[in-house]
Amino acid sequence: MSHIEIMGRHIVVLNSVKVAIELLDKKSSKYSDRPILHMAGNLIGFKDGLPFLRYGDRFRESRRQFHRFIGTREMLKTYHDVQQLEAHRFLKRVYARPEQLAMHIRR
């Protein structure tokens, strides 16, 4: 097993299939995680969003809730009318006050 750090990122190279299976399959919950994206997560304020959560109980619960309410095609269809209405409202706000585009997008 070899380790190198490049620009703050840790890279581990495994030369053995046996070690790779042990670490990546049998102990994946211990060693698997997502990279921390400081710009999107911390600076912009999306750190609590599902794509930016670290693996753990909170991630699993959020993923379960996401799938429950949005995760199927049938559930997506229920939001179509709301999405269309909000898209029209967004365009009306942009047309009325184009100089506040950033605020409209944020909303």
Protein backbone atom coordinates (compact mmCIF):
# COMPACT_ATOMS: atom_id res chain seq x y z
CA MET A 1 0.00 0.00 0.00
CA SER A 2 1.33 3.45 -0.96
CA HIS A 3 0.12 6.91 -0.03
CA ILE A 4 0.66 10.29 -1.65
CA GLU A 5 -0.81 13.71 -0.91
CA ILE A 6 -1.30 16.14 -3.80
CA MET A 7 -2.74 19.60 -3.15
CA GLY A 8 -4.34 18.44 0.09
CA ARG A 9 -5.88 15.31 -1.45
CA HIS A 10 -4.86 11.93 -0.11
CA ILE A 11 -4.37 9.17 -2.68
CA VAL A 12 -3.90 5.57 -1.60
CA VAL A 13 -2.61 2.99 -4.08
CA LEU A 14 -3.32 -0.65 -3.29
CA ASN A 15 -1.10 -3.27 -4.93
CA SER A 16 -2.95 -6.29 -3.61
CA VAL A 17 -6.39 -7.52 -4.64
CA LYS A 18 -6.81 -9.09 -1.21
CA VAL A 19 -6.12 -5.78 0.58
CA ALA A 20 -8.36 -3.89 -1.88
CA ILE A 21 -11.27 -6.24 -1.20
CA GLU A 22 -10.69 -6.02 2.54
CA LEU A 23 -10.63 -2.21 2.58
CA LEU A 24 -13.10 -1.34 -0.16
CA ASP A 25 -15.72 -4.07 0.18
CA LYS A 26 -15.66 -5.31 3.74
CA LYS A 27 -14.90 -1.97 5.41
CA SER A 28 -16.34 0.43 2.86
CA SER A 29 -18.48 2.34 5.36
CA LYS A 30 -15.34 3.21 7.31
CA TYR A 31 -13.21 4.31 4.34
CA SER A 32 -15.74 5.65 1.83
CA ASP A 33 -16.79 9.27 1.79
CA ARG A 34 -17.30 12.19 -0.52
CA PRO A 35 -14.81 14.96 -1.08
CA ILE A 36 -15.44 18.13 0.89
CA LEU A 37 -16.28 20.95 -1.52
CA HIS A 38 -15.58 24.07 0.53
CA MET A 39 -16.81 26.56 -2.08
CA ALA A 40 -20.22 24.98 -2.61
CA GLY A 41 -20.65 23.55 0.87
CA ASN A 42 -19.31 26.09 3.31
CA LEU A 43 -18.97 29.39 1.47
CA ILE A 44 -22.20 29.31 -0.54
CA GLY A 45 -24.18 27.58 2.20
CA PHE A 46 -25.16 24.25 0.66
CA LYS A 47 -23.28 22.10 3.19
CA ASP A 48 -26.54 20.59 4.47
CA GLY A 49 -27.78 19.62 0.99
CA LEU A 50 -27.85 15.94 0.12
CA PRO A 51 -25.06 16.10 -2.51
CA PHE A 52 -22.68 17.65 0.03
CA LEU A 53 -23.43 15.58 3.14
CA ARG A 54 -20.78 13.21 4.42
CA TYR A 55 -21.64 9.53 4.71
CA GLY A 56 -23.33 8.67 7.97
CA ASP A 57 -26.72 8.52 9.65
CA ARG A 58 -27.79 11.97 8.48
CA PHE A 59 -26.86 11.18 4.86
CA ARG A 60 -28.75 7.88 4.93
CA GLU A 61 -31.86 9.50 6.42
CA SER A 62 -31.76 12.37 3.90
CA ARG A 63 -31.32 9.94 1.01
CA ARG A 64 -34.23 7.82 2.26
CA GLN A 65 -36.47 10.90 2.52
CA PHE A 66 -35.38 12.13 -0.91
CA HIS A 67 -36.25 8.81 -2.49
CA ARG A 68 -39.57 8.71 -0.65
CA PHE A 69 -40.71 12.12 -1.92
CA ILE A 70 -38.87 12.59 -5.22
CA GLY A 71 -37.06 9.38 -6.13
CA THR A 72 -39.56 7.85 -8.56
CA ARG A 73 -40.97 9.02 -11.89
CA GLU A 74 -44.49 8.95 -10.47
CA MET A 75 -43.49 11.27 -7.63
CA LEU A 76 -41.75 13.62 -10.06
CA LYS A 77 -44.95 13.95 -12.06
CA THR A 78 -46.74 15.31 -8.99
CA TYR A 79 -44.35 18.29 -8.94
CA HIS A 80 -44.65 19.17 -12.63
CA ASP A 81 -47.43 21.77 -12.22
CA VAL A 82 -45.65 23.46 -9.31
CA GLN A 83 -42.38 23.61 -11.26
CA GLN A 84 -44.11 25.11 -14.27
CA LEU A 85 -45.88 27.73 -12.12
CA GLU A 86 -42.64 28.69 -10.37
CA ALA A 87 -40.79 28.92 -13.69
CA HIS A 88 -43.43 31.39 -14.94
CA ARG A 89 -43.20 33.43 -11.73
CA PHE A 90 -39.40 33.49 -12.02
CA LEU A 91 -39.59 34.79 -15.61
CA LYS A 92 -42.09 37.49 -14.60
CA ARG A 93 -39.77 38.66 -11.79
CA VAL A 94 -36.78 38.74 -14.13
CA TYR A 95 -38.77 40.69 -16.73
CA ALA A 96 -39.98 43.20 -14.13
CA ARG A 97 -36.56 43.69 -12.45
CA PRO A 98 -33.72 42.27 -14.58
CA GLU A 99 -31.10 44.11 -12.50
CA GLN A 100 -31.96 41.80 -9.57
CA LEU A 101 -31.30 38.59 -11.50
CA ALA A 102 -28.98 37.15 -8.83
CA MET A 103 -31.66 37.60 -6.18
CA HIS A 104 -34.29 35.96 -8.43
CA ILE A 105 -32.02 32.98 -9.07
CA ARG A 106 -31.25 32.61 -5.37
CA ARG A 107 -34.96 32.51 -4.58
